[in-house]
Amino acid sequence: GSRIGILDHGRLLQVGTPLEILLAPVNATVSGLVRNVNRARAIPLSAAVETQAGEDLLTGARSPADRMLEARLPLEAALPQLLGSTDRVGVQQEGRFMGLVSRQRVIDLLSPPLV
């Protein structure tokens, strides 16, 4: 992916992918720059996967196929399924099971980090 640098008066503050900068701003200046980003649309489900394929296959196997979402979709795509149930949602990439996403993990990612 593309990497970007954040400058402040010619001083390099942070270098990373847009997602890295959004999820972990290094200081208040960078945090201020990403504060108004719609995190539900900017963060892909792949960033929320907690249980990797192979770690919790029984839970993944019990998840119905209609609860599987594509990894590239934004977090907002999982909100209706996560809010309507306590179950985790399966994530797949190009038809292969990638892992599971919990409601709490999505809530954590939607909350901006305190810097």
PDB file of N, CA and C in Angstrom:
ATOM      1  N   GLY A   1       0.810  -1.184   0.000  1.00  0.00           N
ATOM      2  CA  GLY A   1       0.000   0.000   0.000  1.00  0.00           C
ATOM      3  C   GLY A   1       0.850   1.242   0.000  1.00  0.00           C
ATOM      4  N   SER A   2       0.225   2.337  -0.230  1.00  0.00           N
ATOM      5  CA  SER A   2       0.903   3.633  -0.256  1.00  0.00           C
ATOM      6  C   SER A   2       1.244   4.090   1.152  1.00  0.00           C
ATOM      7  N   ARG A   3       2.366   4.759   1.268  1.00  0.00           N
ATOM      8  CA  ARG A   3       2.788   5.338   2.538  1.00  0.00           C
ATOM      9  C   ARG A   3       2.781   6.848   2.377  1.00  0.00           C
ATOM     10  N   ILE A   4       2.421   7.538   3.438  1.00  0.00           N
ATOM     11  CA  ILE A   4       2.401   8.990   3.408  1.00  0.00           C
ATOM     12  C   ILE A   4       3.184   9.515   4.605  1.00  0.00           C
ATOM     13  N   GLY A   5       3.589  10.757   4.489  1.00  0.00           N
ATOM     14  CA  GLY A   5       4.266  11.420   5.587  1.00  0.00           C
ATOM     15  C   GLY A   5       3.457  12.627   6.032  1.00  0.00           C
ATOM     16  N   ILE A   6       3.431  12.863   7.316  1.00  0.00           N
ATOM     17  CA  ILE A   6       2.746  14.021   7.883  1.00  0.00           C
ATOM     18  C   ILE A   6       3.820  15.008   8.331  1.00  0.00           C
ATOM     19  N   LEU A   7       3.762  16.208   7.765  1.00  0.00           N
ATOM     20  CA  LEU A   7       4.725  17.265   8.084  1.00  0.00           C
ATOM     21  C   LEU A   7       4.056  18.369   8.884  1.00  0.00           C
ATOM     22  N   ASP A   8       4.823  18.983   9.763  1.00  0.00           N
ATOM     23  CA  ASP A   8       4.364  20.156  10.511  1.00  0.00           C
ATOM     24  C   ASP A   8       5.499  21.173  10.492  1.00  0.00           C
ATOM     25  N   HIS A   9       5.301  22.247   9.741  1.00  0.00           N
ATOM     26  CA  HIS A   9       6.320  23.286   9.596  1.00  0.00           C
ATOM     27  C   HIS A   9       7.665  22.695   9.163  1.00  0.00           C
ATOM     28  N   GLY A  10       7.620  21.767   8.207  1.00  0.00           N
ATOM     29  CA  GLY A  10       8.831  21.165   7.669  1.00  0.00           C
ATOM     30  C   GLY A  10       9.397  20.016   8.484  1.00  0.00           C
ATOM     31  N   ARG A  11       8.816  19.730   9.617  1.00  0.00           N
ATOM     32  CA  ARG A  11       9.283  18.630  10.468  1.00  0.00           C
ATOM     33  C   ARG A  11       8.414  17.396  10.235  1.00  0.00           C
ATOM     34  N   LEU A  12       9.055  16.269   9.960  1.00  0.00           N
ATOM     35  CA  LEU A  12       8.338  15.018   9.722  1.00  0.00           C
ATOM     36  C   LEU A  12       7.830  14.465  11.048  1.00  0.00           C
ATOM     37  N   LEU A  13       6.508  14.327  11.154  1.00  0.00           N
ATOM     38  CA  LEU A  13       5.906  13.830  12.383  1.00  0.00           C
ATOM     39  C   LEU A  13       5.649  12.333  12.352  1.00  0.00           C
ATOM     40  N   GLN A  14       5.176  11.828  11.205  1.00  0.00           N
ATOM     41  CA  GLN A  14       4.815  10.421  11.128  1.00  0.00           C
ATOM     42  C   GLN A  14       4.826   9.971   9.679  1.00  0.00           C
ATOM     43  N   VAL A  15       5.270   8.733   9.469  1.00  0.00           N
ATOM     44  CA  VAL A  15       5.238   8.099   8.155  1.00  0.00           C
ATOM     45  C   VAL A  15       4.523   6.768   8.319  1.00  0.00           C
ATOM     46  N   GLY A  16       3.627   6.457   7.404  1.00  0.00           N
ATOM     47  CA  GLY A  16       2.922   5.185   7.453  1.00  0.00           C
ATOM     48  C   GLY A  16       1.838   5.125   6.405  1.00  0.00           C
ATOM     49  N   THR A  17       1.137   4.013   6.373  1.00  0.00           N
ATOM     50  CA  THR A  17      -0.007   3.919   5.480  1.00  0.00           C
ATOM     51  C   THR A  17      -1.109   4.794   6.074  1.00  0.00           C
ATOM     52  N   PRO A  18      -2.066   5.206   5.261  1.00  0.00           N
ATOM     53  CA  PRO A  18      -3.171   5.988   5.826  1.00  0.00           C
ATOM     54  C   PRO A  18      -3.854   5.268   6.994  1.00  0.00           C
ATOM     55  N   LEU A  19      -4.012   3.958   6.891  1.00  0.00           N
ATOM     56  CA  LEU A  19      -4.642   3.203   7.973  1.00  0.00           C
ATOM     57  C   LEU A  19      -3.784   3.216   9.235  1.00  0.00           C
ATOM     58  N   GLU A  20      -2.476   3.055   9.099  1.00  0.00           N
ATOM     59  CA  GLU A  20      -1.579   3.098  10.259  1.00  0.00           C
ATOM     60  C   GLU A  20      -1.669   4.446  10.969  1.00  0.00           C
ATOM     61  N   ILE A  21      -1.704   5.508  10.187  1.00  0.00           N
ATOM     62  CA  ILE A  21      -1.765   6.854  10.770  1.00  0.00           C
ATOM     63  C   ILE A  21      -3.113   7.081  11.454  1.00  0.00           C
ATOM     64  N   LEU A  22      -4.182   6.606  10.836  1.00  0.00           N
ATOM     65  CA  LEU A  22      -5.516   6.748  11.419  1.00  0.00           C
ATOM     66  C   LEU A  22      -5.630   5.978  12.738  1.00  0.00           C
ATOM     67  N   LEU A  23      -5.097   4.769  12.757  1.00  0.00           N
ATOM     68  CA  LEU A  23      -5.233   3.926  13.947  1.00  0.00           C
ATOM     69  C   LEU A  23      -4.257   4.270  15.062  1.00  0.00           C
ATOM     70  N   ALA A  24      -3.112   4.850  14.717  1.00  0.00           N
ATOM     71  CA  ALA A  24      -2.094   5.115  15.742  1.00  0.00           C
ATOM     72  C   ALA A  24      -1.364   6.430  15.476  1.00  0.00           C
ATOM     73  N   PRO A  25      -2.066   7.559  15.584  1.00  0.00           N
ATOM     74  CA  PRO A  25      -1.374   8.846  15.416  1.00  0.00           C
ATOM     75  C   PRO A  25      -0.335   9.032  16.522  1.00  0.00           C
ATOM     76  N   VAL A  26       0.839   9.563  16.141  1.00  0.00           N
ATOM     77  CA  VAL A  26       1.939   9.639  17.112  1.00  0.00           C
ATOM     78  C   VAL A  26       1.820  10.784  18.107  1.00  0.00           C
ATOM     79  N   ASN A  27       1.044  11.809  17.780  1.00  0.00           N
ATOM     80  CA  ASN A  27       0.921  12.929  18.710  1.00  0.00           C
ATOM     81  C   ASN A  27      -0.398  13.670  18.481  1.00  0.00           C
ATOM     82  N   ALA A  28      -0.616  14.713  19.253  1.00  0.00           N
ATOM     83  CA  ALA A  28      -1.877  15.466  19.181  1.00  0.00           C
ATOM     84  C   ALA A  28      -2.067  16.144  17.828  1.00  0.00           C
ATOM     85  N   THR A  29      -0.988  16.577  17.197  1.00  0.00           N
ATOM     86  CA  THR A  29      -1.099  17.225  15.887  1.00  0.00           C
ATOM     87  C   THR A  29      -1.638  16.260  14.846  1.00  0.00           C
ATOM     88  N   VAL A  30      -1.057  15.069  14.773  1.00  0.00           N
ATOM     89  CA  VAL A  30      -1.514  14.061  13.812  1.00  0.00           C
ATOM     90  C   VAL A  30      -2.926  13.608  14.186  1.00  0.00           C
ATOM     91  N   SER A  31      -3.181  13.436  15.457  1.00  0.00           N
ATOM     92  CA  SER A  31      -4.514  13.047  15.914  1.00  0.00           C
ATOM     93  C   SER A  31      -5.549  14.077  15.466  1.00  0.00           C
ATOM     94  N   GLY A  32      -5.194  15.353  15.546  1.00  0.00           N
ATOM     95  CA  GLY A  32      -6.095  16.412  15.106  1.00  0.00           C
ATOM     96  C   GLY A  32      -6.386  16.351  13.617  1.00  0.00           C
ATOM     97  N   LEU A  33      -5.399  15.920  12.845  1.00  0.00           N
ATOM     98  CA  LEU A  33      -5.591  15.809  11.400  1.00  0.00           C
ATOM     99  C   LEU A  33      -6.564  14.702  11.018  1.00  0.00           C
ATOM    100  N   VAL A  34      -6.593  13.629  11.785  1.00  0.00           N
ATOM    101  CA  VAL A  34      -7.450  12.493  11.448  1.00  0.00           C
ATOM    102  C   VAL A  34      -8.714  12.428  12.305  1.00  0.00           C
ATOM    103  N   ARG A  35      -8.896  13.403  13.169  1.00  0.00           N
ATOM    104  CA  ARG A  35     -10.016  13.404  14.112  1.00  0.00           C
ATOM    105  C   ARG A  35     -11.377  13.287  13.421  1.00  0.00           C
ATOM    106  N   ASN A  36     -11.568  13.961  12.306  1.00  0.00           N
ATOM    107  CA  ASN A  36     -12.883  13.987  11.655  1.00  0.00           C
ATOM    108  C   ASN A  36     -13.051  12.946  10.558  1.00  0.00           C
ATOM    109  N   VAL A  37     -12.116  12.034  10.435  1.00  0.00           N
ATOM    110  CA  VAL A  37     -12.242  10.960   9.452  1.00  0.00           C
ATOM    111  C   VAL A  37     -13.355  10.018   9.905  1.00  0.00           C
ATOM    112  N   ASN A  38     -14.218   9.649   8.973  1.00  0.00           N
ATOM    113  CA  ASN A  38     -15.280   8.688   9.281  1.00  0.00           C
ATOM    114  C   ASN A  38     -14.639   7.310   9.379  1.00  0.00           C
ATOM    115  N   ARG A  39     -14.319   6.903  10.592  1.00  0.00           N
ATOM    116  CA  ARG A  39     -13.597   5.654  10.822  1.00  0.00           C
ATOM    117  C   ARG A  39     -14.404   4.435  10.359  1.00  0.00           C
ATOM    118  N   ALA A  40     -15.726   4.492  10.438  1.00  0.00           N
ATOM    119  CA  ALA A  40     -16.562   3.372  10.007  1.00  0.00           C
ATOM    120  C   ALA A  40     -16.419   3.109   8.511  1.00  0.00           C
ATOM    121  N   ARG A  41     -16.104   4.156   7.760  1.00  0.00           N
ATOM    122  CA  ARG A  41     -15.925   4.001   6.308  1.00  0.00           C
ATOM    123  C   ARG A  41     -14.468   3.842   5.910  1.00  0.00           C
ATOM    124  N   ALA A  42     -13.553   4.308   6.721  1.00  0.00           N
ATOM    125  CA  ALA A  42     -12.132   4.305   6.359  1.00  0.00           C
ATOM    126  C   ALA A  42     -11.400   3.031   6.764  1.00  0.00           C
ATOM    127  N   ILE A  43     -11.886   2.349   7.782  1.00  0.00           N
ATOM    128  CA  ILE A  43     -11.190   1.158   8.292  1.00  0.00           C
ATOM    129  C   ILE A  43     -11.823  -0.091   7.680  1.00  0.00           C
ATOM    130  N   PRO A  44     -11.021  -0.921   7.018  1.00  0.00           N
ATOM    131  CA  PRO A  44     -11.572  -2.153   6.434  1.00  0.00           C
ATOM    132  C   PRO A  44     -11.765  -3.233   7.495  1.00  0.00           C
ATOM    133  N   LEU A  45     -12.672  -4.152   7.222  1.00  0.00           N
ATOM    134  CA  LEU A  45     -12.902  -5.272   8.139  1.00  0.00           C
ATOM    135  C   LEU A  45     -11.630  -6.060   8.406  1.00  0.00           C
ATOM    136  N   SER A  46     -10.745  -6.128   7.430  1.00  0.00           N
ATOM    137  CA  SER A  46      -9.500  -6.882   7.615  1.00  0.00           C
ATOM    138  C   SER A  46      -8.704  -6.374   8.814  1.00  0.00           C
ATOM    139  N   ALA A  47      -8.823  -5.085   9.138  1.00  0.00           N
ATOM    140  CA  ALA A  47      -8.099  -4.514  10.285  1.00  0.00           C
ATOM    141  C   ALA A  47      -8.724  -4.939  11.609  1.00  0.00           C
ATOM    142  N   ALA A  48      -9.944  -5.443  11.579  1.00  0.00           N
ATOM    143  CA  ALA A  48     -10.655  -5.804  12.803  1.00  0.00           C
ATOM    144  C   ALA A  48     -10.596  -7.292  13.118  1.00  0.00           C
ATOM    145  N   VAL A  49     -10.017  -8.091  12.238  1.00  0.00           N
ATOM    146  CA  VAL A  49      -9.985  -9.537  12.452  1.00  0.00           C
ATOM    147  C   VAL A  49      -9.178  -9.849  13.706  1.00  0.00           C
ATOM    148  N   GLU A  50      -9.819 -10.561  14.636  1.00  0.00           N
ATOM    149  CA  GLU A  50      -9.163 -10.936  15.892  1.00  0.00           C
ATOM    150  C   GLU A  50      -8.678 -12.375  15.857  1.00  0.00           C
ATOM    151  N   THR A  51      -9.536 -13.267  15.433  1.00  0.00           N
ATOM    152  CA  THR A  51      -9.207 -14.683  15.418  1.00  0.00           C
ATOM    153  C   THR A  51      -8.821 -15.058  13.999  1.00  0.00           C
ATOM    154  N   GLN A  52      -7.573 -15.429  13.818  1.00  0.00           N
ATOM    155  CA  GLN A  52      -7.086 -15.792  12.493  1.00  0.00           C
ATOM    156  C   GLN A  52      -7.589 -17.176  12.104  1.00  0.00           C
ATOM    157  N   ALA A  53      -7.669 -17.421  10.826  1.00  0.00           N
ATOM    158  CA  ALA A  53      -8.080 -18.732  10.328  1.00  0.00           C
ATOM    159  C   ALA A  53      -7.202 -19.802  10.970  1.00  0.00           C
ATOM    160  N   GLY A  54      -7.828 -20.849  11.456  1.00  0.00           N
ATOM    161  CA  GLY A  54      -7.085 -21.933  12.083  1.00  0.00           C
ATOM    162  C   GLY A  54      -7.061 -21.842  13.595  1.00  0.00           C
ATOM    163  N   GLU A  55      -7.255 -20.640  14.166  1.00  0.00           N
ATOM    164  CA  GLU A  55      -7.211 -20.492  15.614  1.00  0.00           C
ATOM    165  C   GLU A  55      -8.527 -20.871  16.272  1.00  0.00           C
ATOM    166  N   ASP A  56      -9.632 -20.645  15.602  1.00  0.00           N
ATOM    167  CA  ASP A  56     -10.937 -20.874  16.197  1.00  0.00           C
ATOM    168  C   ASP A  56     -11.864 -21.432  15.122  1.00  0.00           C
ATOM    169  N   LEU A  57     -11.464 -22.532  14.527  1.00  0.00           N
ATOM    170  CA  LEU A  57     -12.198 -23.064  13.388  1.00  0.00           C
ATOM    171  C   LEU A  57     -13.592 -23.537  13.755  1.00  0.00           C
ATOM    172  N   LEU A  58     -13.805 -24.033  14.984  1.00  0.00           N
ATOM    173  CA  LEU A  58     -15.139 -24.492  15.349  1.00  0.00           C
ATOM    174  C   LEU A  58     -16.132 -23.345  15.352  1.00  0.00           C
ATOM    175  N   THR A  59     -15.744 -22.216  15.938  1.00  0.00           N
ATOM    176  CA  THR A  59     -16.630 -21.052  15.937  1.00  0.00           C
ATOM    177  C   THR A  59     -16.846 -20.584  14.514  1.00  0.00           C
ATOM    178  N   GLY A  60     -15.795 -20.556  13.713  1.00  0.00           N
ATOM    179  CA  GLY A  60     -15.920 -20.144  12.323  1.00  0.00           C
ATOM    180  C   GLY A  60     -16.814 -21.073  11.546  1.00  0.00           C
ATOM    181  N   ALA A  61     -16.727 -22.368  11.828  1.00  0.00           N
ATOM    182  CA  ALA A  61     -17.533 -23.352  11.113  1.00  0.00           C
ATOM    183  C   ALA A  61     -19.009 -23.216  11.471  1.00  0.00           C
ATOM    184  N   ARG A  62     -19.324 -22.783  12.710  1.00  0.00           N
ATOM    185  CA  ARG A  62     -20.718 -22.629  13.110  1.00  0.00           C
ATOM    186  C   ARG A  62     -21.333 -21.348  12.557  1.00  0.00           C
ATOM    187  N   SER A  63     -20.502 -20.414  12.075  1.00  0.00           N
ATOM    188  CA  SER A  63     -21.027 -19.160  11.548  1.00  0.00           C
ATOM    189  C   SER A  63     -21.727 -19.418  10.222  1.00  0.00           C
ATOM    190  N   PRO A  64     -22.971 -19.004  10.090  1.00  0.00           N
ATOM    191  CA  PRO A  64     -23.663 -19.206   8.833  1.00  0.00           C
ATOM    192  C   PRO A  64     -23.002 -18.428   7.707  1.00  0.00           C
ATOM    193  N   ALA A  65     -23.139 -18.938   6.507  1.00  0.00           N
ATOM    194  CA  ALA A  65     -22.502 -18.320   5.343  1.00  0.00           C
ATOM    195  C   ALA A  65     -22.971 -16.887   5.138  1.00  0.00           C
ATOM    196  N   ASP A  66     -24.220 -16.582   5.524  1.00  0.00           N
ATOM    197  CA  ASP A  66     -24.706 -15.215   5.302  1.00  0.00           C
ATOM    198  C   ASP A  66     -24.098 -14.225   6.289  1.00  0.00           C
ATOM    199  N   ARG A  67     -23.328 -14.710   7.251  1.00  0.00           N
ATOM    200  CA  ARG A  67     -22.644 -13.824   8.197  1.00  0.00           C
ATOM    201  C   ARG A  67     -21.185 -13.612   7.801  1.00  0.00           C
ATOM    202  N   MET A  68     -20.807 -14.054   6.621  1.00  0.00           N
ATOM    203  CA  MET A  68     -19.442 -13.856   6.129  1.00  0.00           C
ATOM    204  C   MET A  68     -19.397 -12.578   5.300  1.00  0.00           C
ATOM    205  N   LEU A  69     -18.439 -11.726   5.604  1.00  0.00           N
ATOM    206  CA  LEU A  69     -18.275 -10.469   4.877  1.00  0.00           C
ATOM    207  C   LEU A  69     -16.886 -10.414   4.263  1.00  0.00           C
ATOM    208  N   GLU A  70     -16.749  -9.652   3.200  1.00  0.00           N
ATOM    209  CA  GLU A  70     -15.471  -9.493   2.521  1.00  0.00           C
ATOM    210  C   GLU A  70     -14.540  -8.577   3.320  1.00  0.00           C
ATOM    211  N   ALA A  71     -13.284  -8.937   3.407  1.00  0.00           N
ATOM    212  CA  ALA A  71     -12.279  -8.214   4.192  1.00  0.00           C
ATOM    213  C   ALA A  71     -12.099  -6.770   3.741  1.00  0.00           C
ATOM    214  N   ARG A  72     -12.312  -6.506   2.470  1.00  0.00           N
ATOM    215  CA  ARG A  72     -12.075  -5.161   1.932  1.00  0.00           C
ATOM    216  C   ARG A  72     -13.195  -4.178   2.277  1.00  0.00           C
ATOM    217  N   LEU A  73     -14.345  -4.692   2.730  1.00  0.00           N
ATOM    218  CA  LEU A  73     -15.469  -3.819   3.066  1.00  0.00           C
ATOM    219  C   LEU A  73     -15.143  -2.973   4.295  1.00  0.00           C
ATOM    220  N   PRO A  74     -15.742  -1.791   4.397  1.00  0.00           N
ATOM    221  CA  PRO A  74     -15.519  -0.961   5.588  1.00  0.00           C
ATOM    222  C   PRO A  74     -16.246  -1.532   6.804  1.00  0.00           C
ATOM    223  N   LEU A  75     -15.816  -1.116   7.988  1.00  0.00           N
ATOM    224  CA  LEU A  75     -16.435  -1.572   9.227  1.00  0.00           C
ATOM    225  C   LEU A  75     -17.937  -1.364   9.231  1.00  0.00           C
ATOM    226  N   GLU A  76     -18.399  -0.282   8.612  1.00  0.00           N
ATOM    227  CA  GLU A  76     -19.829   0.001   8.639  1.00  0.00           C
ATOM    228  C   GLU A  76     -20.649  -1.131   8.019  1.00  0.00           C
ATOM    229  N   ALA A  77     -20.052  -1.924   7.152  1.00  0.00           N
ATOM    230  CA  ALA A  77     -20.760  -3.045   6.532  1.00  0.00           C
ATOM    231  C   ALA A  77     -21.091  -4.131   7.550  1.00  0.00           C
ATOM    232  N   ALA A  78     -20.309  -4.222   8.613  1.00  0.00           N
ATOM    233  CA  ALA A  78     -20.534  -5.255   9.634  1.00  0.00           C
ATOM    234  C   ALA A  78     -21.456  -4.782  10.749  1.00  0.00           C
ATOM    235  N   LEU A  79     -21.694  -3.493  10.854  1.00  0.00           N
ATOM    236  CA  LEU A  79     -22.468  -2.967  11.981  1.00  0.00           C
ATOM    237  C   LEU A  79     -23.862  -3.580  12.110  1.00  0.00           C
ATOM    238  N   PRO A  80     -24.646  -3.700  11.036  1.00  0.00           N
ATOM    239  CA  PRO A  80     -25.985  -4.282  11.219  1.00  0.00           C
ATOM    240  C   PRO A  80     -25.935  -5.709  11.781  1.00  0.00           C
ATOM    241  N   GLN A  81     -25.007  -6.517  11.335  1.00  0.00           N
ATOM    242  CA  GLN A  81     -24.909  -7.889  11.821  1.00  0.00           C
ATOM    243  C   GLN A  81     -24.380  -7.949  13.243  1.00  0.00           C
ATOM    244  N   LEU A  82     -23.394  -7.113  13.566  1.00  0.00           N
ATOM    245  CA  LEU A  82     -22.801  -7.138  14.906  1.00  0.00           C
ATOM    246  C   LEU A  82     -23.736  -6.559  15.966  1.00  0.00           C
ATOM    247  N   LEU A  83     -24.489  -5.535  15.595  1.00  0.00           N
ATOM    248  CA  LEU A  83     -25.382  -4.916  16.575  1.00  0.00           C
ATOM    249  C   LEU A  83     -26.617  -5.759  16.843  1.00  0.00           C
ATOM    250  N   GLY A  84     -26.975  -6.615  15.908  1.00  0.00           N
ATOM    251  CA  GLY A  84     -28.156  -7.447  16.066  1.00  0.00           C
ATOM    252  C   GLY A  84     -27.893  -8.781  16.736  1.00  0.00           C
ATOM    253  N   SER A  85     -26.668  -9.025  17.154  1.00  0.00           N
ATOM    254  CA  SER A  85     -26.322 -10.326  17.710  1.00  0.00           C
ATOM    255  C   SER A  85     -25.068 -10.204  18.568  1.00  0.00           C
ATOM    256  N   THR A  86     -24.849 -11.180  19.434  1.00  0.00           N
ATOM    257  CA  THR A  86     -23.611 -11.206  20.206  1.00  0.00           C
ATOM    258  C   THR A  86     -22.555 -12.062  19.513  1.00  0.00           C
ATOM    259  N   ASP A  87     -22.939 -12.711  18.411  1.00  0.00           N
ATOM    260  CA  ASP A  87     -22.006 -13.550  17.668  1.00  0.00           C
ATOM    261  C   ASP A  87     -20.984 -12.702  16.925  1.00  0.00           C
ATOM    262  N   ARG A  88     -19.848 -13.309  16.667  1.00  0.00           N
ATOM    263  CA  ARG A  88     -18.841 -12.667  15.837  1.00  0.00           C
ATOM    264  C   ARG A  88     -19.208 -12.870  14.369  1.00  0.00           C
ATOM    265  N   VAL A  89     -18.659 -12.024  13.525  1.00  0.00           N
ATOM    266  CA  VAL A  89     -18.915 -12.096  12.090  1.00  0.00           C
ATOM    267  C   VAL A  89     -17.670 -12.643  11.421  1.00  0.00           C
ATOM    268  N   GLY A  90     -17.867 -13.569  10.488  1.00  0.00           N
ATOM    269  CA  GLY A  90     -16.757 -14.120   9.730  1.00  0.00           C
ATOM    270  C   GLY A  90     -16.306 -13.165   8.643  1.00  0.00           C
ATOM    271  N   VAL A  91     -15.011 -13.164   8.387  1.00  0.00           N
ATOM    272  CA  VAL A  91     -14.428 -12.316   7.341  1.00  0.00           C
ATOM    273  C   VAL A  91     -13.711 -13.223   6.355  1.00  0.00           C
ATOM    274  N   GLN A  92     -13.952 -12.970   5.080  1.00  0.00           N
ATOM    275  CA  GLN A  92     -13.296 -13.746   4.036  1.00  0.00           C
ATOM    276  C   GLN A  92     -12.599 -12.813   3.063  1.00  0.00           C
ATOM    277  N   GLN A  93     -11.561 -13.335   2.458  1.00  0.00           N
ATOM    278  CA  GLN A  93     -10.832 -12.579   1.443  1.00  0.00           C
ATOM    279  C   GLN A  93     -10.702 -13.478   0.223  1.00  0.00           C
ATOM    280  N   GLU A  94     -11.276 -13.013  -0.882  1.00  0.00           N
ATOM    281  CA  GLU A  94     -11.268 -13.767  -2.137  1.00  0.00           C
ATOM    282  C   GLU A  94     -11.785 -15.183  -1.939  1.00  0.00           C
ATOM    283  N   GLY A  95     -12.880 -15.307  -1.159  1.00  0.00           N
ATOM    284  CA  GLY A  95     -13.517 -16.600  -0.952  1.00  0.00           C
ATOM    285  C   GLY A  95     -12.898 -17.485   0.113  1.00  0.00           C
ATOM    286  N   ARG A  96     -11.803 -17.043   0.738  1.00  0.00           N
ATOM    287  CA  ARG A  96     -11.144 -17.848   1.782  1.00  0.00           C
ATOM    288  C   ARG A  96     -11.390 -17.220   3.143  1.00  0.00           C
ATOM    289  N   PHE A  97     -11.732 -18.079   4.106  1.00  0.00           N
ATOM    290  CA  PHE A  97     -11.976 -17.624   5.471  1.00  0.00           C
ATOM    291  C   PHE A  97     -10.711 -16.987   6.036  1.00  0.00           C
ATOM    292  N   MET A  98     -10.853 -15.770   6.558  1.00  0.00           N
ATOM    293  CA  MET A  98      -9.708 -15.032   7.088  1.00  0.00           C
ATOM    294  C   MET A  98      -9.704 -15.003   8.614  1.00  0.00           C
ATOM    295  N   GLY A  99     -10.886 -14.921   9.214  1.00  0.00           N
ATOM    296  CA  GLY A  99     -10.979 -14.856  10.664  1.00  0.00           C
ATOM    297  C   GLY A  99     -12.314 -14.299  11.101  1.00  0.00           C
ATOM    298  N   LEU A 100     -12.395 -13.907  12.367  1.00  0.00           N
ATOM    299  CA  LEU A 100     -13.638 -13.433  12.961  1.00  0.00           C
ATOM    300  C   LEU A 100     -13.477 -12.035  13.537  1.00  0.00           C
ATOM    301  N   VAL A 101     -14.577 -11.291  13.533  1.00  0.00           N
ATOM    302  CA  VAL A 101     -14.603  -9.925  14.062  1.00  0.00           C
ATOM    303  C   VAL A 101     -15.687  -9.862  15.130  1.00  0.00           C
ATOM    304  N   SER A 102     -15.347  -9.281  16.275  1.00  0.00           N
ATOM    305  CA  SER A 102     -16.320  -9.133  17.358  1.00  0.00           C
ATOM    306  C   SER A 102     -16.865  -7.710  17.400  1.00  0.00           C
ATOM    307  N   ARG A 103     -17.994  -7.584  18.043  1.00  0.00           N
ATOM    308  CA  ARG A 103     -18.602  -6.257  18.225  1.00  0.00           C
ATOM    309  C   ARG A 103     -17.636  -5.341  18.999  1.00  0.00           C
ATOM    310  N   GLN A 104     -17.011  -5.868  20.061  1.00  0.00           N
ATOM    311  CA  GLN A 104     -16.112  -5.041  20.874  1.00  0.00           C
ATOM    312  C   GLN A 104     -14.917  -4.548  20.071  1.00  0.00           C
ATOM    313  N   ARG A 105     -14.369  -5.389  19.207  1.00  0.00           N
ATOM    314  CA  ARG A 105     -13.222  -4.972  18.390  1.00  0.00           C
ATOM    315  C   ARG A 105     -13.608  -3.819  17.462  1.00  0.00           C
ATOM    316  N   VAL A 106     -14.796  -3.890  16.883  1.00  0.00           N
ATOM    317  CA  VAL A 106     -15.263  -2.809  16.005  1.00  0.00           C
ATOM    318  C   VAL A 106     -15.468  -1.531  16.812  1.00  0.00           C
ATOM    319  N   ILE A 107     -16.056  -1.649  17.989  1.00  0.00           N
ATOM    320  CA  ILE A 107     -16.240  -0.474  18.851  1.00  0.00           C
ATOM    321  C   ILE A 107     -14.888   0.154  19.177  1.00  0.00           C
ATOM    322  N   ASP A 108     -13.909  -0.680  19.519  1.00  0.00           N
ATOM    323  CA  ASP A 108     -12.571  -0.166  19.832  1.00  0.00           C
ATOM    324  C   ASP A 108     -11.963   0.581  18.646  1.00  0.00           C
ATOM    325  N   LEU A 109     -12.116   0.038  17.443  1.00  0.00           N
ATOM    326  CA  LEU A 109     -11.554   0.684  16.254  1.00  0.00           C
ATOM    327  C   LEU A 109     -12.298   1.962  15.884  1.00  0.00           C
ATOM    328  N   LEU A 110     -13.566   2.032  16.192  1.00  0.00           N
ATOM    329  CA  LEU A 110     -14.346   3.241  15.879  1.00  0.00           C
ATOM    330  C   LEU A 110     -14.059   4.375  16.852  1.00  0.00           C
ATOM    331  N   SER A 111     -13.486   4.046  18.002  1.00  0.00           N
ATOM    332  CA  SER A 111     -13.148   5.058  19.000  1.00  0.00           C
ATOM    333  C   SER A 111     -11.745   5.583  18.721  1.00  0.00           C
ATOM    334  N   PRO A 112     -11.614   6.884  18.461  1.00  0.00           N
ATOM    335  CA  PRO A 112     -10.267   7.427  18.196  1.00  0.00           C
ATOM    336  C   PRO A 112      -9.343   7.214  19.395  1.00  0.00           C
ATOM    337  N   PRO A 113      -8.061   6.906  19.125  1.00  0.00           N
ATOM    338  CA  PRO A 113      -7.121   6.733  20.231  1.00  0.00           C
ATOM    339  C   PRO A 113      -6.879   8.049  20.969  1.00  0.00           C
ATOM    340  N   LEU A 114      -6.665   7.944  22.249  1.00  0.00           N
ATOM    341  CA  LEU A 114      -6.338   9.131  23.051  1.00  0.00           C
ATOM    342  C   LEU A 114      -4.839   9.371  22.948  1.00  0.00           C
ATOM    343  N   VAL A 115      -4.488  10.564  22.537  1.00  0.00           N
ATOM    344  CA  VAL A 115      -3.067  10.909  22.397  1.00  0.00           C
ATOM    345  C   VAL A 115      -2.727  11.992  23.378  1.00  0.00           C
TER     346      VAL A 115
END
